[in-house]
C-alpha atoms as a PDB file:
ATOM      1  CA  MET A   1     147.993  65.589 111.998  1.00  0.00           C
ATOM      2  CA  VAL A   2     146.487  68.894 113.146  1.00  0.00           C
ATOM      3  CA  LYS A   3     147.309  71.963 111.058  1.00  0.00           C
ATOM      4  CA  THR A   4     146.337  75.634 110.991  1.00  0.00           C
ATOM      5  CA  LEU A   5     145.891  78.216 108.242  1.00  0.00           C
ATOM      6  CA  PRO A   6     144.471  81.749 108.165  1.00  0.00           C
ATOM      7  CA  LEU A   7     140.938  81.655 106.774  1.00  0.00           C
ATOM      8  CA  GLU A   8     141.734  83.306 103.440  1.00  0.00           C
ATOM      9  CA  LYS A   9     144.598  80.873 102.786  1.00  0.00           C
ATOM     10  CA  ALA A  10     142.473  77.900 103.825  1.00  0.00           C
ATOM     11  CA  LEU A  11     139.682  78.893 101.430  1.00  0.00           C
ATOM     12  CA  GLU A  12     142.235  79.282  98.659  1.00  0.00           C
ATOM     13  CA  LEU A  13     144.225  76.096  99.232  1.00  0.00           C
ATOM     14  CA  LEU A  14     141.993  73.547 100.964  1.00  0.00           C
ATOM     15  CA  SER A  15     138.908  71.566 100.048  1.00  0.00           C
ATOM     16  CA  LEU A  16     136.792  71.947 103.180  1.00  0.00           C
ATOM     17  CA  PRO A  17     133.842  69.515 103.350  1.00  0.00           C
ATOM     18  CA  GLY A  18     130.438  70.960 104.243  1.00  0.00           C
ATOM     19  CA  LEU A  19     131.750  74.499 103.965  1.00  0.00           C
ATOM     20  CA  SER A  20     128.379  76.219 103.663  1.00  0.00           C
ATOM     21  CA  GLY A  21     126.345  73.772 105.713  1.00  0.00           C
ATOM     22  CA  ASN A  22     124.786  76.697 107.525  1.00  0.00           C
ATOM     23  CA  LEU A  23     125.041  80.468 107.638  1.00  0.00           C
ATOM     24  CA  PHE A  24     127.572  80.581 110.466  1.00  0.00           C
ATOM     25  CA  SER A  25     130.032  78.230 108.785  1.00  0.00           C
ATOM     26  CA  SER A  26     129.881  79.990 105.427  1.00  0.00           C
ATOM     27  CA  PRO A  27     132.596  82.152 103.819  1.00  0.00           C
ATOM     28  CA  ASP A  28     130.037  84.943 103.341  1.00  0.00           C
ATOM     29  CA  TRP A  29     129.392  85.226 107.085  1.00  0.00           C
ATOM     30  CA  MET A  30     133.109  85.057 107.869  1.00  0.00           C
ATOM     31  CA  THR A  31     133.604  87.924 105.403  1.00  0.00           C
ATOM     32  CA  VAL A  32     131.017  89.996 107.283  1.00  0.00           C
ATOM     33  CA  ILE A  33     132.840  89.376 110.585  1.00  0.00           C
ATOM     34  CA  ARG A  34     136.275  90.157 109.194  1.00  0.00           C
ATOM     35  CA  ARG A  35     135.170  93.309 107.372  1.00  0.00           C
ATOM     36  CA  THR A  36     133.172  94.645 110.321  1.00  0.00           C
ATOM     37  CA  TYR A  37     135.444  93.891 113.256  1.00  0.00           C
ATOM     38  CA  GLN A  38     138.823  93.162 111.633  1.00  0.00           C
ATOM     39  CA  THR A  39     138.701  89.787 113.364  1.00  0.00           C
ATOM     40  CA  ASN A  40     141.480  87.369 112.476  1.00  0.00           C
ATOM     41  CA  ILE A  41     139.866  84.001 111.715  1.00  0.00           C
ATOM     42  CA  TYR A  42     141.755  80.732 111.367  1.00  0.00           C
ATOM     43  CA  VAL A  43     140.993  77.189 110.313  1.00  0.00           C
ATOM     44  CA  LYS A  44     142.254  74.379 112.537  1.00  0.00           C
ATOM     45  CA  TYR A  45     141.972  71.085 110.686  1.00  0.00           C
ATOM     46  CA  VAL A  46     142.789  67.401 110.989  1.00  0.00           C
ATOM     47  CA  GLU A  47     144.459  65.794 107.998  1.00  0.00           C
ATOM     48  CA  LYS A  48     144.703  62.041 107.482  1.00  0.00           C
ATOM     49  CA  ASP A  49     146.177  60.418 104.385  1.00  0.00           C
ATOM     50  CA  ASN A  50     146.334  63.846 102.693  1.00  0.00           C
ATOM     51  CA  LYS A  51     142.599  64.324 103.226  1.00  0.00           C
ATOM     52  CA  ILE A  52     140.879  66.757 105.586  1.00  0.00           C
ATOM     53  CA  THR A  53     138.597  64.831 107.924  1.00  0.00           C
ATOM     54  CA  SER A  54     137.591  67.592 110.355  1.00  0.00           C
ATOM     55  CA  TYR A  55     137.966  71.335 110.870  1.00  0.00           C
ATOM     56  CA  VAL A  56     136.725  74.326 112.850  1.00  0.00           C
ATOM     57  CA  PHE A  57     136.826  78.084 112.384  1.00  0.00           C
ATOM     58  CA  TYR A  58     138.179  80.014 115.349  1.00  0.00           C
ATOM     59  CA  SER A  59     139.288  83.489 116.310  1.00  0.00           C
ATOM     60  CA  VAL A  60     141.863  84.650 118.835  1.00  0.00           C
ATOM     61  CA  VAL A  61     140.579  87.297 121.251  1.00  0.00           C
ATOM     62  CA  GLN A  62     143.278  89.093 123.202  1.00  0.00           C
ATOM     63  CA  ASN A  63     142.219  92.459 124.598  1.00  0.00           C
ATOM     64  CA  PHE A  64     141.680  94.303 127.868  1.00  0.00           C
ATOM     65  CA  LEU A  65     138.447  92.379 128.521  1.00  0.00           C
ATOM     66  CA  GLU A  66     139.798  88.843 128.235  1.00  0.00           C
ATOM     67  CA  TRP A  67     141.922  86.289 126.439  1.00  0.00           C
ATOM     68  CA  LYS A  68     139.964  83.525 124.765  1.00  0.00           C
ATOM     69  CA  LEU A  69     139.653  81.348 121.683  1.00  0.00           C
ATOM     70  CA  CYS A  70     136.190  81.472 120.107  1.00  0.00           C
ATOM     71  CA  ILE A  71     134.724  78.804 117.855  1.00  0.00           C
ATOM     72  CA  CYS A  72     133.643  81.201 116.368  1.00  0.00           C
ATOM     73  CA  SER A  73     133.149  84.923 117.148  1.00  0.00           C
ATOM     74  CA  TYR A  74     129.918  86.786 116.330  1.00  0.00           C
ATOM     75  CA  CYS A  75     128.037  83.584 115.497  1.00  0.00           C
ATOM     76  CA  ASP A  76     124.718  82.467 116.977  1.00  0.00           C
ATOM     77  CA  TYR A  77     126.281  79.014 117.068  1.00  0.00           C
ATOM     78  CA  SER A  78     129.203  77.350 115.346  1.00  0.00           C
ATOM     79  CA  ASP A  79     129.064  73.593 114.968  1.00  0.00           C
ATOM     80  CA  GLY A  80     132.425  72.332 113.820  1.00  0.00           C
ATOM     81  CA  ASN A  81     132.616  70.073 110.804  1.00  0.00           C
ATOM     82  CA  VAL A  82     134.144  67.324 112.941  1.00  0.00           C
ATOM     83  CA  ILE A  83     133.563  63.613 112.353  1.00  0.00           C
ATOM     84  CA  ASN A  84     134.234  62.163 115.825  1.00  0.00           C
ATOM     85  CA  LYS A  85     135.233  62.853 119.420  1.00  0.00           C
ATOM     86  CA  GLU A  86     138.860  61.941 118.748  1.00  0.00           C
ATOM     87  CA  ASP A  87     139.257  64.661 116.124  1.00  0.00           C
ATOM     88  CA  TRP A  88     137.648  67.172 118.510  1.00  0.00           C
ATOM     89  CA  GLN A  89     140.119  66.186 121.219  1.00  0.00           C
ATOM     90  CA  ALA A  90     143.003  66.590 118.776  1.00  0.00           C
ATOM     91  CA  ILE A  91     141.781  70.078 117.803  1.00  0.00           C
ATOM     92  CA  ILE A  92     141.202  71.164 121.419  1.00  0.00           C
ATOM     93  CA  GLY A  93     144.574  69.727 122.426  1.00  0.00           C
ATOM     94  CA  ASP A  94     146.352  71.649 119.678  1.00  0.00           C
ATOM     95  CA  LEU A  95     144.603  74.894 120.670  1.00  0.00           C
ATOM     96  CA  ARG A  96     145.600  74.407 124.309  1.00  0.00           C
ATOM     97  CA  LYS A  97     149.191  73.724 123.311  1.00  0.00           C
ATOM     98  CA  GLU A  98     149.347  76.806 121.101  1.00  0.00           C
ATOM     99  CA  TYR A  99     147.523  79.113 123.553  1.00  0.00           C
ATOM    100  CA  PRO A 100     148.081  77.721 127.075  1.00  0.00           C
ATOM    101  CA  ALA A 101     146.926  80.922 128.845  1.00  0.00           C
ATOM    102  CA  PHE A 102     143.635  81.275 126.925  1.00  0.00           C
ATOM    103  CA  ARG A 103     140.213  79.943 127.723  1.00  0.00           C
ATOM    104  CA  ILE A 104     138.186  78.234 124.966  1.00  0.00           C
ATOM    105  CA  ALA A 105     134.539  79.064 124.184  1.00  0.00           C
ATOM    106  CA  ILE A 106     132.232  77.019 121.938  1.00  0.00           C
ATOM    107  CA  ARG A 107     128.559  77.684 121.130  1.00  0.00           C
ATOM    108  CA  ASN A 108     127.265  74.304 120.015  1.00  0.00           C
ATOM    109  CA  LEU A 109     123.928  73.278 118.536  1.00  0.00           C
ATOM    110  CA  ARG A 110     123.910  69.977 116.658  1.00  0.00           C
ATOM    111  CA  ASP A 111     127.392  68.485 117.079  1.00  0.00           C
ATOM    112  CA  GLU A 112     127.107  65.687 119.649  1.00  0.00           C
ATOM    113  CA  PHE A 113     130.799  64.744 119.476  1.00  0.00           C
ATOM    114  CA  VAL A 114     132.077  67.950 121.082  1.00  0.00           C
ATOM    115  CA  ARG A 115     129.857  67.332 124.105  1.00  0.00           C
ATOM    116  CA  GLU A 116     131.801  64.145 124.775  1.00  0.00           C
ATOM    117  CA  VAL A 117     135.180  65.906 125.104  1.00  0.00           C
ATOM    118  CA  PRO A 118     136.065  65.528 128.806  1.00  0.00           C
ATOM    119  CA  GLU A 119     138.069  68.765 129.037  1.00  0.00           C
ATOM    120  CA  LEU A 120     135.000  70.846 128.197  1.00  0.00           C
ATOM    121  CA  GLU A 121     132.286  71.829 130.646  1.00  0.00           C
ATOM    122  CA  VAL A 122     128.802  73.220 130.085  1.00  0.00           C
ATOM    123  CA  LEU A 123     128.832  76.947 130.870  1.00  0.00           C
ATOM    124  CA  SER A 124     125.242  77.886 129.997  1.00  0.00           C
ATOM    125  CA  ARG A 125     122.341  77.173 127.666  1.00  0.00           C
ATOM    126  CA  GLU A 126     120.062  79.130 125.366  1.00  0.00           C
ATOM    127  CA  ARG A 127     116.856  78.209 123.586  1.00  0.00           C
ATOM    128  CA  PHE A 128     116.968  77.715 119.818  1.00  0.00           C
ATOM    129  CA  HIS A 129     113.932  77.544 117.512  1.00  0.00           C
ATOM    130  CA  TYR A 130     113.549  76.236 113.974  1.00  0.00           C
ATOM    131  CA  LEU A 131     110.589  75.768 111.658  1.00  0.00           C
ATOM    132  CA  ASP A 132     110.189  72.978 109.096  1.00  0.00           C
ATOM    133  CA  LEU A 133     109.096  74.644 105.843  1.00  0.00           C
ATOM    134  CA  THR A 134     108.512  71.452 103.860  1.00  0.00           C
ATOM    135  CA  GLU A 135     104.860  71.344 104.924  1.00  0.00           C
ATOM    136  CA  ASN A 136     102.268  73.218 102.897  1.00  0.00           C
ATOM    137  CA  LEU A 137     101.328  76.759 103.870  1.00  0.00           C
ATOM    138  CA  ASP A 138      97.883  75.838 105.206  1.00  0.00           C
ATOM    139  CA  ASP A 139      99.369  73.282 107.597  1.00  0.00           C
ATOM    140  CA  LEU A 140     101.997  75.779 108.775  1.00  0.00           C
ATOM    141  CA  TRP A 141      99.226  78.299 109.453  1.00  0.00           C
ATOM    142  CA  ARG A 142      97.193  75.750 111.441  1.00  0.00           C
ATOM    143  CA  LYS A 143     100.221  74.883 113.576  1.00  0.00           C
ATOM    144  CA  THR A 144     100.645  78.459 114.762  1.00  0.00           C
ATOM    145  CA  ASN A 145      99.097  79.420 118.093  1.00  0.00           C
ATOM    146  CA  ASP A 146      95.625  80.980 118.170  1.00  0.00           C
ATOM    147  CA  SER A 147      97.082  84.217 119.537  1.00  0.00           C
ATOM    148  CA  PHE A 148      99.649  84.335 116.704  1.00  0.00           C
ATOM    149  CA  ARG A 149      96.928  84.023 114.051  1.00  0.00           C
ATOM    150  CA  ALA A 150      94.763  86.570 115.838  1.00  0.00           C
ATOM    151  CA  ALA A 151      97.625  89.095 115.850  1.00  0.00           C
ATOM    152  CA  VAL A 152      98.267  88.554 112.115  1.00  0.00           C
ATOM    153  CA  ASN A 153      94.602  89.087 111.312  1.00  0.00           C
ATOM    154  CA  GLN A 154      94.395  92.072 113.648  1.00  0.00           C
ATOM    155  CA  ALA A 155      97.348  93.778 111.943  1.00  0.00           C
ATOM    156  CA  LYS A 156      95.777  93.230 108.521  1.00  0.00           C
ATOM    157  CA  LYS A 157      92.418  94.610 109.662  1.00  0.00           C
ATOM    158  CA  LYS A 158      94.121  97.685 111.112  1.00  0.00           C
ATOM    159  CA  GLY A 159      95.677  98.391 107.724  1.00  0.00           C
ATOM    160  CA  VAL A 160      99.280  97.292 108.348  1.00  0.00           C
ATOM    161  CA  THR A 161     101.093  96.427 105.126  1.00  0.00           C
ATOM    162  CA  VAL A 162     104.364  94.595 104.472  1.00  0.00           C
ATOM    163  CA  LYS A 163     106.750  95.119 101.581  1.00  0.00           C
ATOM    164  CA  VAL A 164     110.331  94.374 100.567  1.00  0.00           C
ATOM    165  CA  CYS A 165     112.509  97.376 101.445  1.00  0.00           C
ATOM    166  CA  ASP A 166     115.458  98.823  99.580  1.00  0.00           C
ATOM    167  CA  LYS A 167     118.601 100.099 101.281  1.00  0.00           C
ATOM    168  CA  SER A 168     117.183 103.568 101.863  1.00  0.00           C
ATOM    169  CA  PHE A 169     115.314 102.028 104.824  1.00  0.00           C
ATOM    170  CA  LEU A 170     118.461 100.666 106.492  1.00  0.00           C
ATOM    171  CA  PRO A 171     119.197 103.848 108.532  1.00  0.00           C
ATOM    172  CA  LYS A 172     115.585 103.830 109.784  1.00  0.00           C
ATOM    173  CA  PHE A 173     115.906 100.158 110.665  1.00  0.00           C
ATOM    174  CA  TYR A 174     119.099 100.902 112.547  1.00  0.00           C
ATOM    175  CA  ASN A 175     117.596 103.740 114.565  1.00  0.00           C
ATOM    176  CA  MET A 176     114.769 101.453 115.700  1.00  0.00           C
ATOM    177  CA  HIS A 177     117.311  98.716 116.480  1.00  0.00           C
ATOM    178  CA  LEU A 178     119.395 101.138 118.549  1.00  0.00           C
ATOM    179  CA  ASN A 179     116.441 102.450 120.538  1.00  0.00           C
ATOM    180  CA  ILE A 180     114.855  99.110 121.342  1.00  0.00           C
ATOM    181  CA  ARG A 181     118.167  97.631 122.514  1.00  0.00           C
ATOM    182  CA  ARG A 182     118.909 100.679 124.645  1.00  0.00           C
ATOM    183  CA  GLN A 183     115.428 101.249 126.063  1.00  0.00           C
ATOM    184  CA  LYS A 184     114.180  97.679 126.460  1.00  0.00           C
ATOM    185  CA  TYR A 185     117.336  95.654 127.070  1.00  0.00           C
ATOM    186  CA  ARG A 186     119.965  98.249 128.167  1.00  0.00           C
ATOM    187  CA  ILE A 187     122.582  96.747 125.825  1.00  0.00           C
ATOM    188  CA  PHE A 188     124.674  98.129 122.988  1.00  0.00           C
ATOM    189  CA  PRO A 189     123.472  97.823 119.389  1.00  0.00           C
ATOM    190  CA  GLN A 190     125.856  96.448 116.817  1.00  0.00           C
ATOM    191  CA  PRO A 191     127.588  99.281 114.951  1.00  0.00           C
ATOM    192  CA  TYR A 192     125.851 100.541 111.804  1.00  0.00           C
ATOM    193  CA  ARG A 193     128.719  99.316 109.618  1.00  0.00           C
ATOM    194  CA  PHE A 194     127.833  95.722 110.583  1.00  0.00           C
ATOM    195  CA  PHE A 195     124.365  96.016 108.998  1.00  0.00           C
ATOM    196  CA  ASP A 196     125.794  97.889 106.022  1.00  0.00           C
ATOM    197  CA  ILE A 197     128.247  95.056 105.350  1.00  0.00           C
ATOM    198  CA  VAL A 198     125.542  92.405 105.877  1.00  0.00           C
ATOM    199  CA  TRP A 199     123.520  94.246 103.228  1.00  0.00           C
ATOM    200  CA  GLN A 200     126.477  94.296 100.834  1.00  0.00           C
ATOM    201  CA  GLU A 201     127.360  90.622 101.309  1.00  0.00           C
ATOM    202  CA  TYR A 202     123.820  89.235 101.345  1.00  0.00           C
ATOM    203  CA  ILE A 203     120.965  91.464 100.227  1.00  0.00           C
ATOM    204  CA  ASP A 204     122.861  93.123  97.367  1.00  0.00           C
ATOM    205  CA  LYS A 205     123.738  89.618  96.133  1.00  0.00           C
ATOM    206  CA  GLY A 206     120.194  88.234  96.364  1.00  0.00           C
ATOM    207  CA  LYS A 207     120.964  86.203  99.494  1.00  0.00           C
ATOM    208  CA  GLY A 208     118.698  88.115 101.839  1.00  0.00           C
ATOM    209  CA  VAL A 209     115.836  90.543 102.137  1.00  0.00           C
ATOM    210  CA  MET A 210     114.448  93.182 104.474  1.00  0.00           C
ATOM    211  CA  LEU A 211     110.704  93.062 105.020  1.00  0.00           C
ATOM    212  CA  GLY A 212     109.243  96.278 106.396  1.00  0.00           C
ATOM    213  CA  ALA A 213     105.896  96.862 108.080  1.00  0.00           C
ATOM    214  CA  PHE A 214     104.012 100.127 107.561  1.00  0.00           C
ATOM    215  CA  ASP A 215     101.086 101.535 109.503  1.00  0.00           C
ATOM    216  CA  PRO A 216      97.937 102.858 107.743  1.00  0.00           C
ATOM    217  CA  MET A 217      99.585 106.293 107.401  1.00  0.00           C
ATOM    218  CA  GLY A 218     102.536 104.728 105.573  1.00  0.00           C
ATOM    219  CA  ASP A 219     105.012 105.127 108.453  1.00  0.00           C
ATOM    220  CA  PHE A 220     107.783 102.544 108.783  1.00  0.00           C
ATOM    221  CA  ILE A 221     107.137 100.811 112.138  1.00  0.00           C
ATOM    222  CA  ALA A 222     108.976  97.443 112.103  1.00  0.00           C
ATOM    223  CA  ALA A 223     111.234  95.228 110.012  1.00  0.00           C
ATOM    224  CA  ASN A 224     112.747  91.762 109.746  1.00  0.00           C
ATOM    225  CA  ILE A 225     115.957  90.898 107.918  1.00  0.00           C
ATOM    226  CA  TYR A 226     116.112  87.361 106.510  1.00  0.00           C
ATOM    227  CA  LEU A 227     119.356  85.851 105.224  1.00  0.00           C
ATOM    228  CA  PHE A 228     119.569  82.786 102.984  1.00  0.00           C
ATOM    229  CA  CYS A 229     122.224  80.082 102.944  1.00  0.00           C
ATOM    230  CA  GLY A 230     121.872  76.781 101.130  1.00  0.00           C
ATOM    231  CA  ASP A 231     118.282  75.611 101.557  1.00  0.00           C
ATOM    232  CA  GLN A 232     117.740  77.510 104.808  1.00  0.00           C
ATOM    233  CA  SER A 233     116.254  80.887 105.698  1.00  0.00           C
ATOM    234  CA  TYR A 234     117.515  82.768 108.763  1.00  0.00           C
ATOM    235  CA  TYR A 235     115.294  85.120 110.772  1.00  0.00           C
ATOM    236  CA  LYS A 236     118.386  87.086 111.702  1.00  0.00           C
ATOM    237  CA  PHE A 237     117.343  90.606 112.757  1.00  0.00           C
ATOM    238  CA  ASN A 238     114.061  92.015 113.978  1.00  0.00           C
ATOM    239  CA  THR A 239     113.220  95.460 115.246  1.00  0.00           C
ATOM    240  CA  SER A 240     110.228  97.713 115.728  1.00  0.00           C
ATOM    241  CA  SER A 241     109.384 101.148 117.029  1.00  0.00           C
ATOM    242  CA  LEU A 242     107.932 101.105 120.535  1.00  0.00           C
ATOM    243  CA  GLN A 243     105.177 103.422 119.307  1.00  0.00           C
ATOM    244  CA  GLY A 244     104.332 101.069 116.435  1.00  0.00           C
ATOM    245  CA  LEU A 245     103.696  97.979 118.559  1.00  0.00           C
ATOM    246  CA  LYS A 246     100.003  98.932 118.936  1.00  0.00           C
ATOM    247  CA  TRP A 247      99.584  97.930 115.274  1.00  0.00           C
ATOM    248  CA  ARG A 248     100.820  94.346 116.022  1.00  0.00           C
ATOM    249  CA  PRO A 249     103.290  94.288 113.101  1.00  0.00           C
ATOM    250  CA  ASN A 250     105.696  91.550 114.237  1.00  0.00           C
ATOM    251  CA  ASN A 251     103.443  88.522 113.782  1.00  0.00           C
ATOM    252  CA  LEU A 252     102.414  89.704 110.312  1.00  0.00           C
ATOM    253  CA  LEU A 253     106.053  90.324 109.385  1.00  0.00           C
ATOM    254  CA  PHE A 254     107.023  86.830 110.477  1.00  0.00           C
ATOM    255  CA  TRP A 255     104.146  85.203 108.596  1.00  0.00           C
ATOM    256  CA  GLU A 256     105.156  87.094 105.454  1.00  0.00           C
ATOM    257  CA  GLY A 257     108.718  85.861 106.037  1.00  0.00           C
ATOM    258  CA  ILE A 258     107.480  82.259 106.094  1.00  0.00           C
ATOM    259  CA  GLN A 259     105.678  82.776 102.788  1.00  0.00           C
ATOM    260  CA  LEU A 260     108.703  84.458 101.206  1.00  0.00           C
ATOM    261  CA  SER A 261     110.981  81.620 102.330  1.00  0.00           C
ATOM    262  CA  LYS A 262     108.634  79.000 100.888  1.00  0.00           C
ATOM    263  CA  GLU A 263     108.469  80.893  97.589  1.00  0.00           C
ATOM    264  CA  ARG A 264     112.251  80.474  97.393  1.00  0.00           C
ATOM    265  CA  ASN A 265     111.836  76.694  97.992  1.00  0.00           C
ATOM    266  CA  LEU A 266     113.760  76.837 101.282  1.00  0.00           C
ATOM    267  CA  THR A 267     113.190  73.917 103.641  1.00  0.00           C
ATOM    268  CA  LEU A 268     114.031  75.296 107.099  1.00  0.00           C
ATOM    269  CA  LEU A 269     113.591  78.613 108.888  1.00  0.00           C
ATOM    270  CA  ASP A 270     116.193  79.258 111.593  1.00  0.00           C
ATOM    271  CA  LEU A 271     114.717  81.542 114.256  1.00  0.00           C
ATOM    272  CA  GLY A 272     117.976  81.908 116.182  1.00  0.00           C
ATOM    273  CA  SER A 273     118.704  81.744 119.887  1.00  0.00           C
ATOM    274  CA  SER A 274     117.045  83.303 122.921  1.00  0.00           C
ATOM    275  CA  GLY A 275     118.331  83.588 126.441  1.00  0.00           C
ATOM    276  CA  TYR A 276     116.312  81.685 129.019  1.00  0.00           C
ATOM    277  CA  GLU A 277     115.430  85.021 130.607  1.00  0.00           C
ATOM    278  CA  GLN A 278     113.882  86.320 127.345  1.00  0.00           C
ATOM    279  CA  LYS A 279     110.510  84.798 128.137  1.00  0.00           C
ATOM    280  CA  GLY A 280     108.536  87.096 125.820  1.00  0.00           C
ATOM    281  CA  LEU A 281     110.756  86.289 122.816  1.00  0.00           C
ATOM    282  CA  ILE A 282     110.635  82.550 123.561  1.00  0.00           C
ATOM    283  CA  LEU A 283     106.837  82.695 123.821  1.00  0.00           C
ATOM    284  CA  PHE A 284     106.627  84.518 120.468  1.00  0.00           C
ATOM    285  CA  LYS A 285     108.776  81.854 118.798  1.00  0.00           C
ATOM    286  CA  ASN A 286     106.779  79.042 120.417  1.00  0.00           C
ATOM    287  CA  HIS A 287     103.584  80.575 119.013  1.00  0.00           C
ATOM    288  CA  THR A 288     104.947  80.383 115.447  1.00  0.00           C
ATOM    289  CA  GLY A 289     104.778  76.595 115.615  1.00  0.00           C
ATOM    290  CA  ALA A 290     108.561  76.297 115.632  1.00  0.00           C
ATOM    291  CA  GLN A 291     110.362  73.406 117.304  1.00  0.00           C
ATOM    292  CA  CYS A 292     112.789  74.131 120.125  1.00  0.00           C
ATOM    293  CA  GLN A 293     116.054  72.752 121.469  1.00  0.00           C
ATOM    294  CA  ASP A 294     119.066  74.009 123.425  1.00  0.00           C
ATOM    295  CA  ILE A 295     122.199  75.744 122.278  1.00  0.00           C
ATOM    296  CA  ILE A 296     124.919  74.655 124.687  1.00  0.00           C
ATOM    297  CA  HIS A 297     127.813  76.927 125.624  1.00  0.00           C
ATOM    298  CA  LEU A 298     130.895  74.806 126.280  1.00  0.00           C
ATOM    299  CA  GLY A 299     134.199  75.988 127.604  1.00  0.00           C
ATOM    300  CA  PHE A 300     137.623  75.232 128.981  1.00  0.00           C
ATOM    301  CA  SER A 301     139.670  77.422 131.308  1.00  0.00           C
ATOM    302  CA  PRO A 302     143.327  76.702 132.111  1.00  0.00           C
ATOM    303  CA  PRO A 303     144.341  76.388 135.773  1.00  0.00           C
ATOM    304  CA  GLY A 304     144.538  79.781 137.463  1.00  0.00           C
ATOM    305  CA  TYR A 305     142.743  81.582 134.649  1.00  0.00           C
ATOM    306  CA  GLN A 306     141.518  85.035 135.644  1.00  0.00           C
ATOM    307  CA  PHE A 307     138.188  85.161 133.818  1.00  0.00           C
ATOM    308  CA  SER A 308     137.962  88.698 132.459  1.00  0.00           C
ATOM    309  CA  GLN A 309     137.373  92.374 133.089  1.00  0.00           C
ATOM    310  CA  LYS A 310     133.628  92.123 132.552  1.00  0.00           C
ATOM    311  CA  ARG A 311     133.031  94.844 135.151  1.00  0.00           C
ATOM    312  CA  VAL A 312     134.509  97.335 132.651  1.00  0.00           C
ATOM    313  CA  LEU A 313     132.011  96.179 130.042  1.00  0.00           C
ATOM    314  CA  ARG A 314     129.104  96.361 132.485  1.00  0.00           C
ATOM    315  CA  LEU A 315     130.052  99.908 133.508  1.00  0.00           C
ATOM    316  CA  MET A 316     130.346 101.124 129.908  1.00  0.00           C
ATOM    317  CA  THR A 317     127.073  99.445 128.929  1.00  0.00           C
ATOM    318  CA  LYS A 318     125.142 100.945 131.832  1.00  0.00           C
ATOM    319  CA  THR A 319     126.622 104.389 131.167  1.00  0.00           C
ATOM    320  CA  PHE A 320     126.082 104.559 127.418  1.00  0.00           C
ATOM    321  CA  THR A 321     122.545 103.127 127.484  1.00  0.00           C
ATOM    322  CA  LEU A 322     121.145 105.584 130.030  1.00  0.00           C
ATOM    323  CA  PRO A 323     117.713 106.923 128.919  1.00  0.00           C
ATOM    324  CA  TRP A 324     118.968 110.493 128.539  1.00  0.00           C
ATOM    325  CA  MET A 325     122.078 109.529 126.547  1.00  0.00           C
ATOM    326  CA  PRO A 326     121.904 111.033 123.013  1.00  0.00           C
ATOM    327  CA  ASP A 327     121.914 108.625 120.085  1.00  0.00           C
ATOM    328  CA  PHE A 328     125.297 109.771 118.785  1.00  0.00           C
ATOM    329  CA  MET A 329     126.879 108.811 122.125  1.00  0.00           C
ATOM    330  CA  VAL A 330     125.266 105.357 122.039  1.00  0.00           C
ATOM    331  CA  LYS A 331     126.616 104.887 118.515  1.00  0.00           C
ATOM    332  CA  TRP A 332     130.051 106.092 119.581  1.00  0.00           C
ATOM    333  CA  GLY A 333     130.076 103.690 122.523  1.00  0.00           C
ATOM    334  CA  SER A 334     128.965 100.841 120.291  1.00  0.00           C
ATOM    335  CA  ASN A 335     131.760 101.517 117.789  1.00  0.00           C
ATOM    336  CA  ILE A 336     134.284 101.547 120.612  1.00  0.00           C
ATOM    337  CA  ILE A 337     133.166  98.497 122.581  1.00  0.00           C
ATOM    338  CA  TYR A 338     131.622  96.051 120.081  1.00  0.00           C
ATOM    339  CA  PRO A 339     134.919  94.968 118.474  1.00  0.00           C
ATOM    340  CA  TYR A 340     135.959  93.727 121.942  1.00  0.00           C
ATOM    341  CA  LEU A 341     132.869  91.523 122.330  1.00  0.00           C
ATOM    342  CA  ALA A 342     134.034  88.688 120.080  1.00  0.00           C
END
């Protein structure tokens, strides 16, 4: 029997197996999403003999851009806690019955069962990197690329230092994040409140840290935010000032992140996903010694589905990320549009 409950009720009433198996299936991350974007999240679950065998988190997106069901919004990936193909088919079938006019979108990493569901097709792929932290630090260092080690040593010789940052650095982090996304990628940054809530839910509770890099004059030039869930560390956010790149801070920051994660006895470092077109980012991750596999985007569209109004999004993005656009307008545009990007 397939049933549905709002997330808060499900967490209160149900015993969900593997609830915090990774960051993106954890209540903490769902809290960040709900608080930031007011996203309504539900749990669709299969119950047999009064026991939950399988479940997924999903959100219902119904706005001027499109109608879709996401498993789940604002997640790098979201592997369902589903034990077999039959349970996946039951869940997908119930979603289709409940929302016949909606398309379904799934970002899948490790769950092989969902790939066997015949109704779903592969929409696209991204690269995903992860680093095994169970090896000793010397072996991890030797497995990095020569150019990675050279950049770490170069940054140290130039006088770059790394330290744990308190929240007073978050606005500076955000300004760098905004500028690099606008100038390098021509895309919106997440709204500031997203990072503020991430800080409240993770870093304030000892479940994350911001590492900042400083040039020899003491100026803040780059930062990484790591989040922790279970025995895994997540390289979740990285930014740097375009002027500070000459100091080569990013390799040193990442190496310090490896050491920090090992000090916490974490066993895996999740480096996140990269689009196939992000060749520079993929090369950087390859040089860390990380292993690589695909994240697969799966989907279903009902007959006659009109995909979406993506042209509206493209127009707004191009307009609000123009080089001469003042920062306050970029922030305003981000606050307006990002809640629609679930």
